Amino acid sequence: MSEERFGEFVLVRRHEQGHVAELVLDRPKAMNAVSTEMARSIAGACTALGEDRDVRAVVLTSTHERAFCVGADLKERNSFSDADLLRQRPVTRGAYTGVLELPVPTVAAVHGFALGGGFELALACDVIVADRTAVVGLPEVSVGVIPGGGGTQLLPRRVGAARAAELIFSARRVEAVEAGELGLVDQLVEEGRDREEALALAARIAGNSPVGLRAAKRALRLGQGLDLRAGLEVEDAAWRATAFSGDRAEGVAAFNERRKPQWPGE
């Protein structure tokens, strides 16, 4: 396993086997509160991961024992002028869109607090695996703002408009079992096993065609919110991008020869 640090607070681990990378939130003294520096580092790490054709799946993890991420660094923001906050906005937005726009499947491994921008980082992933200590929520209206990392758009796509409205307007925190029941997280695992289970899922995902994975994610994301006819056109374009690829030829050959595919990735 190789490691690469992006600034002080973000680490990328590339696992030697399985084409899986970890995007690690590593600001434990602040429970991974997202400062300007940390946001810039998350965006930079996402750019590097998106350009790495060897990576087929990314797992978003945390080094803090009791928190995934508690959201924006409000201590930093307490000293901001309006001009400072305005200058920070594109930097923080770049962190959330960086995760959202990763071209490969992403899995969030959540334990402890995932609040505000922390939960939005998880919502930007394709799948959320949470252990039984997880507490999630979007409490922004309780401090005079709104979710600004995609929460007002990603949450209703996950749980529906009315449920999202109740959660955002009430600013309430949701514990793990209820979060699983409401669909706020996708897999609920035993305490302390979120990273292990997320990495195992990512490894299963990464065993599939890298061309197919990227195209399938593109179709899923671009098709959201479209009517059926338009969505099927998005799917057809993604299918055409895979149908004449080396991965498709290798996948069919491996199936017929009853062997594991050796994906060319093109």
Protein backbone atom coordinates (compact mmCIF):
# COMPACT_ATOMS: atom_id res chain seq x y z
CA MET A 1 0.00 0.00 0.00
CA SER A 2 1.33 3.42 -0.94
CA GLU A 3 0.42 6.70 0.74
CA GLU A 4 0.38 10.25 -0.54
CA ARG A 5 -0.44 13.28 1.59
CA PHE A 6 -2.37 16.26 0.28
CA GLY A 7 -1.62 19.08 2.68
CA GLU A 8 -1.76 18.44 6.40
CA PHE A 9 -5.24 16.97 6.70
CA VAL A 10 -5.89 14.63 3.75
CA LEU A 11 -4.25 11.33 2.91
CA VAL A 12 -4.65 9.06 -0.11
CA ARG A 13 -3.87 5.37 0.30
CA ARG A 14 -3.56 3.28 -2.84
CA HIS A 15 -4.01 -0.40 -2.04
CA GLU A 16 -1.62 -2.57 -4.06
CA GLN A 17 -4.26 -5.21 -4.68
CA GLY A 18 -7.69 -4.55 -6.09
CA HIS A 19 -7.36 -1.08 -7.65
CA VAL A 20 -8.95 0.55 -4.59
CA ALA A 21 -7.91 3.92 -3.14
CA GLU A 22 -8.82 5.48 0.19
CA LEU A 23 -9.46 9.18 0.51
CA VAL A 24 -8.74 9.69 4.20
CA LEU A 25 -9.96 12.64 6.27
CA ASP A 26 -7.14 13.17 8.76
CA ARG A 27 -7.74 16.18 10.98
CA PRO A 28 -8.40 14.35 14.25
CA LYS A 29 -7.83 17.31 16.58
CA ALA A 30 -10.86 19.02 15.02
CA MET A 31 -12.98 15.89 14.40
CA ASN A 32 -12.31 16.45 10.70
CA ALA A 33 -14.04 19.83 10.62
CA VAL A 34 -13.52 21.13 7.09
CA SER A 35 -11.31 24.21 7.11
CA THR A 36 -10.30 26.17 4.03
CA GLU A 37 -7.00 24.31 3.88
CA MET A 38 -8.66 20.93 4.28
CA ALA A 39 -11.25 21.71 1.60
CA ARG A 40 -8.49 22.66 -0.82
CA SER A 41 -6.71 19.39 -0.06
CA ILE A 42 -9.83 17.28 -0.58
CA ALA A 43 -10.34 18.87 -3.99
CA GLY A 44 -6.70 18.29 -4.92
CA ALA A 45 -6.82 14.66 -3.85
CA CYS A 46 -10.02 14.11 -5.87
CA THR A 47 -8.39 15.59 -8.97
CA ALA A 48 -5.45 13.21 -8.61
CA LEU A 49 -7.71 10.20 -8.04
CA GLY A 50 -9.93 11.09 -10.98
CA GLU A 51 -6.92 11.17 -13.28
CA ASP A 52 -5.50 7.86 -12.04
CA ARG A 53 -6.71 5.23 -14.49
CA ASP A 54 -5.50 2.46 -12.18
CA VAL A 55 -8.11 3.41 -9.56
CA ARG A 56 -11.46 1.68 -10.03
CA ALA A 57 -13.13 2.50 -6.70
CA VAL A 58 -12.59 5.05 -3.91
CA VAL A 59 -13.46 4.69 -0.22
CA LEU A 60 -13.89 7.85 1.87
CA THR A 61 -12.69 7.18 5.42
CA SER A 62 -11.77 8.97 8.65
CA THR A 63 -8.91 8.60 11.13
CA HIS A 64 -10.96 9.95 14.04
CA GLU A 65 -12.36 7.28 16.34
CA ARG A 66 -15.60 9.13 17.13
CA ALA A 67 -16.32 11.12 13.99
CA PHE A 68 -16.43 10.80 10.25
CA CYS A 69 -16.62 14.58 9.81
CA VAL A 70 -18.48 17.20 11.84
CA GLY A 71 -18.89 19.61 8.92
CA ALA A 72 -17.58 23.12 8.37
CA ASP A 73 -14.93 24.54 10.69
CA LEU A 74 -17.12 27.05 12.54
CA LYS A 75 -14.22 28.19 14.72
CA GLU A 76 -12.41 29.32 11.58
CA ARG A 77 -15.55 30.92 10.21
CA ASN A 78 -16.17 32.81 13.45
CA SER A 79 -13.27 35.08 12.53
CA PHE A 80 -14.40 35.61 8.91
CA SER A 81 -15.67 38.82 7.47
CA ASP A 82 -18.36 38.62 4.81
CA ALA A 83 -15.62 39.05 2.21
CA ASP A 84 -13.62 36.17 3.74
CA LEU A 85 -16.67 33.89 3.60
CA LEU A 86 -17.33 34.82 -0.01
CA ARG A 87 -13.71 34.07 -0.94
CA GLN A 88 -13.88 30.72 0.82
CA ARG A 89 -17.04 29.60 -0.95
CA PRO A 90 -15.50 28.30 -4.21
CA VAL A 91 -12.80 26.51 -2.21
CA THR A 92 -15.24 24.61 -0.01
CA ARG A 93 -17.57 23.96 -2.91
CA GLY A 94 -14.64 22.45 -4.79
CA ALA A 95 -14.18 19.85 -2.05
CA TYR A 96 -17.78 18.61 -2.23
CA THR A 97 -17.98 18.64 -6.02
CA GLY A 98 -14.59 16.94 -6.12
CA VAL A 99 -16.01 13.91 -4.32
CA LEU A 100 -19.30 14.07 -6.22
CA GLU A 101 -17.59 14.17 -9.61
CA LEU A 102 -15.12 11.34 -9.07
CA PRO A 103 -15.56 9.22 -12.22
CA VAL A 104 -15.35 5.88 -10.41
CA PRO A 105 -17.69 4.35 -7.81
CA THR A 106 -17.27 5.81 -4.32
CA VAL A 107 -18.13 4.35 -0.92
CA ALA A 108 -18.29 6.34 2.32
CA ALA A 109 -17.28 4.54 5.52
CA VAL A 110 -19.13 6.38 8.30
CA HIS A 111 -18.86 6.08 12.06
CA GLY A 112 -19.64 8.55 14.79
CA PHE A 113 -20.69 12.03 13.81
CA ALA A 114 -21.34 12.82 10.14
CA LEU A 115 -23.01 16.19 10.39
CA GLY A 116 -23.55 19.10 8.03
CA GLY A 117 -20.79 19.15 5.46
CA GLY A 118 -19.54 15.85 6.83
CA PHE A 119 -22.80 14.15 5.91
CA GLU A 120 -22.75 15.98 2.58
CA LEU A 121 -19.37 14.41 1.79
CA ALA A 122 -20.96 11.02 2.44
CA LEU A 123 -24.03 11.92 0.36
CA ALA A 124 -21.69 12.77 -2.52
CA CYS A 125 -20.61 9.12 -2.57
CA ASP A 126 -22.50 6.40 -4.41
CA VAL A 127 -22.91 4.11 -1.38
CA ILE A 128 -22.80 4.85 2.36
CA VAL A 129 -21.68 2.11 4.77
CA ALA A 130 -22.23 3.10 8.41
CA ASP A 131 -21.57 1.38 11.70
CA ARG A 132 -23.91 1.47 14.67
CA THR A 133 -22.22 4.49 16.25
CA ALA A 134 -23.12 6.72 13.30
CA VAL A 135 -25.10 9.91 13.86
CA VAL A 136 -25.99 11.83 10.70
CA GLY A 137 -27.83 15.04 9.89
CA LEU A 138 -27.89 18.42 8.21
CA PRO A 139 -28.17 20.96 11.05
CA GLU A 140 -27.23 24.07 9.05
CA VAL A 141 -30.48 26.02 9.57
CA SER A 142 -29.83 25.87 13.32
CA VAL A 143 -26.77 28.12 12.81
CA GLY A 144 -28.35 30.44 10.27
CA VAL A 145 -27.32 28.95 6.94
CA ILE A 146 -28.45 26.12 4.69
CA PRO A 147 -26.67 22.96 3.52
CA GLY A 148 -24.13 24.24 1.00
CA GLY A 149 -22.25 21.10 0.01
CA GLY A 150 -25.05 19.57 -2.05
CA GLY A 151 -27.35 18.52 0.78
CA THR A 152 -30.52 20.21 -0.49
CA GLN A 153 -30.09 18.39 -3.80
CA LEU A 154 -28.56 15.05 -2.82
CA LEU A 155 -30.73 14.25 0.19
CA PRO A 156 -34.11 14.44 -1.64
CA ARG A 157 -32.67 12.26 -4.41
CA ARG A 158 -31.91 9.68 -1.75
CA VAL A 159 -34.99 9.81 0.51
CA GLY A 160 -37.59 11.89 -1.33
CA ALA A 161 -38.58 15.54 -1.10
CA ALA A 162 -40.84 15.40 1.96
CA ARG A 163 -38.45 13.36 4.09
CA ALA A 164 -35.53 15.60 3.08
CA ALA A 165 -37.56 18.69 3.97
CA GLU A 166 -38.38 17.34 7.43
CA LEU A 167 -34.73 16.50 8.13
CA ILE A 168 -33.32 19.78 6.82
CA PHE A 169 -35.97 22.05 8.37
CA SER A 170 -35.82 20.33 11.78
CA ALA A 171 -31.99 20.17 11.77
CA ARG A 172 -32.29 16.99 13.79
CA ARG A 173 -29.62 14.34 14.23
CA VAL A 174 -30.46 10.79 13.20
CA GLU A 175 -28.87 7.80 14.86
CA ALA A 176 -27.67 4.75 12.95
CA VAL A 177 -30.67 2.42 13.14
CA GLU A 178 -33.16 5.08 12.10
CA ALA A 179 -30.74 6.30 9.42
CA GLY A 180 -30.75 2.80 7.95
CA GLU A 181 -34.54 2.61 8.10
CA LEU A 182 -34.92 5.98 6.35
CA GLY A 183 -32.36 5.20 3.65
CA LEU A 184 -29.92 7.85 4.83
CA VAL A 185 -27.28 5.12 4.80
CA ASP A 186 -27.21 2.02 2.62
CA GLN A 187 -25.52 -0.62 4.76
CA LEU A 188 -25.54 -0.77 8.55
CA VAL A 189 -22.69 -2.82 10.04
CA GLU A 190 -21.42 -3.65 13.49
CA GLU A 191 -19.48 -1.04 15.47
CA GLY A 192 -15.96 -0.54 14.20
CA ARG A 193 -16.48 -2.40 10.92
CA ASP A 194 -17.47 0.47 8.60
CA ARG A 195 -14.03 0.86 7.00
CA GLU A 196 -13.48 -2.88 6.66
CA GLU A 197 -16.87 -3.48 5.07
CA ALA A 198 -16.57 -0.43 2.80
CA LEU A 199 -13.15 -1.58 1.57
CA ALA A 200 -14.52 -5.08 0.95
CA LEU A 201 -17.39 -3.65 -1.08
CA ALA A 202 -14.99 -1.44 -3.04
CA ALA A 203 -12.78 -4.44 -3.78
CA ARG A 204 -15.78 -6.34 -5.17
CA ILE A 205 -16.68 -3.35 -7.30
CA ALA A 206 -13.11 -2.89 -8.51
CA GLY A 207 -12.99 -6.47 -9.79
CA ASN A 208 -15.29 -5.42 -12.62
CA SER A 209 -14.51 -3.68 -15.90
CA PRO A 210 -13.01 -0.20 -15.33
CA VAL A 211 -14.57 0.97 -18.60
CA GLY A 212 -17.92 -0.45 -17.55
CA LEU A 213 -17.75 1.05 -14.06
CA ARG A 214 -17.03 4.57 -15.29
CA ALA A 215 -19.72 4.37 -17.96
CA ALA A 216 -22.30 2.94 -15.56
CA LYS A 217 -21.61 5.69 -13.03
CA ARG A 218 -21.88 8.33 -15.74
CA ALA A 219 -25.24 6.93 -16.86
CA LEU A 220 -26.56 6.77 -13.31
CA ARG A 221 -25.51 10.31 -12.46
CA LEU A 222 -26.46 12.02 -15.72
CA GLY A 223 -29.79 10.22 -15.89
CA GLN A 224 -31.00 11.43 -12.49
CA GLY A 225 -33.91 13.83 -12.80
CA LEU A 226 -34.44 13.26 -16.52
CA ASP A 227 -37.63 11.88 -17.96
CA LEU A 228 -37.47 8.24 -19.04
CA ARG A 229 -36.92 8.90 -22.73
CA ALA A 230 -34.03 11.29 -22.05
CA GLY A 231 -32.59 8.93 -19.46
CA LEU A 232 -32.58 6.07 -21.93
CA GLU A 233 -30.63 8.23 -24.36
CA VAL A 234 -28.02 8.83 -21.65
CA GLU A 235 -27.87 5.09 -21.05
CA ASP A 236 -27.51 4.37 -24.77
CA ALA A 237 -24.57 6.76 -25.04
CA ALA A 238 -22.88 5.08 -22.09
CA TRP A 239 -23.56 1.63 -23.57
CA ARG A 240 -21.95 2.66 -26.85
CA ALA A 241 -18.88 3.82 -24.94
CA THR A 242 -18.43 0.29 -23.57
CA ALA A 243 -19.78 -1.94 -26.34
CA PHE A 244 -16.76 -1.55 -28.62
CA SER A 245 -14.11 -1.40 -25.92
CA GLY A 246 -11.30 -3.80 -25.15
CA ASP A 247 -12.97 -4.51 -21.81
CA ARG A 248 -16.12 -5.72 -23.52
CA ALA A 249 -14.12 -8.06 -25.78
CA GLU A 250 -12.13 -9.39 -22.82
CA GLY A 251 -15.23 -9.83 -20.67
CA VAL A 252 -17.03 -11.92 -23.30
CA ALA A 253 -13.89 -13.98 -24.00
CA ALA A 254 -13.27 -14.63 -20.30
CA PHE A 255 -16.88 -15.70 -19.77
CA ASN A 256 -16.71 -18.21 -22.61
CA GLU A 257 -13.29 -19.47 -21.54
CA ARG A 258 -14.41 -19.73 -17.89
CA ARG A 259 -11.59 -17.61 -16.51
CA LYS A 260 -11.14 -14.37 -14.63
CA PRO A 261 -11.04 -11.33 -16.94
CA GLN A 262 -7.78 -9.44 -17.36
CA TRP A 263 -9.25 -6.02 -18.03
CA PRO A 264 -7.28 -3.82 -20.44
CA GLY A 265 -9.14 -0.80 -19.11
CA GLU A 266 -9.84 0.68 -22.53
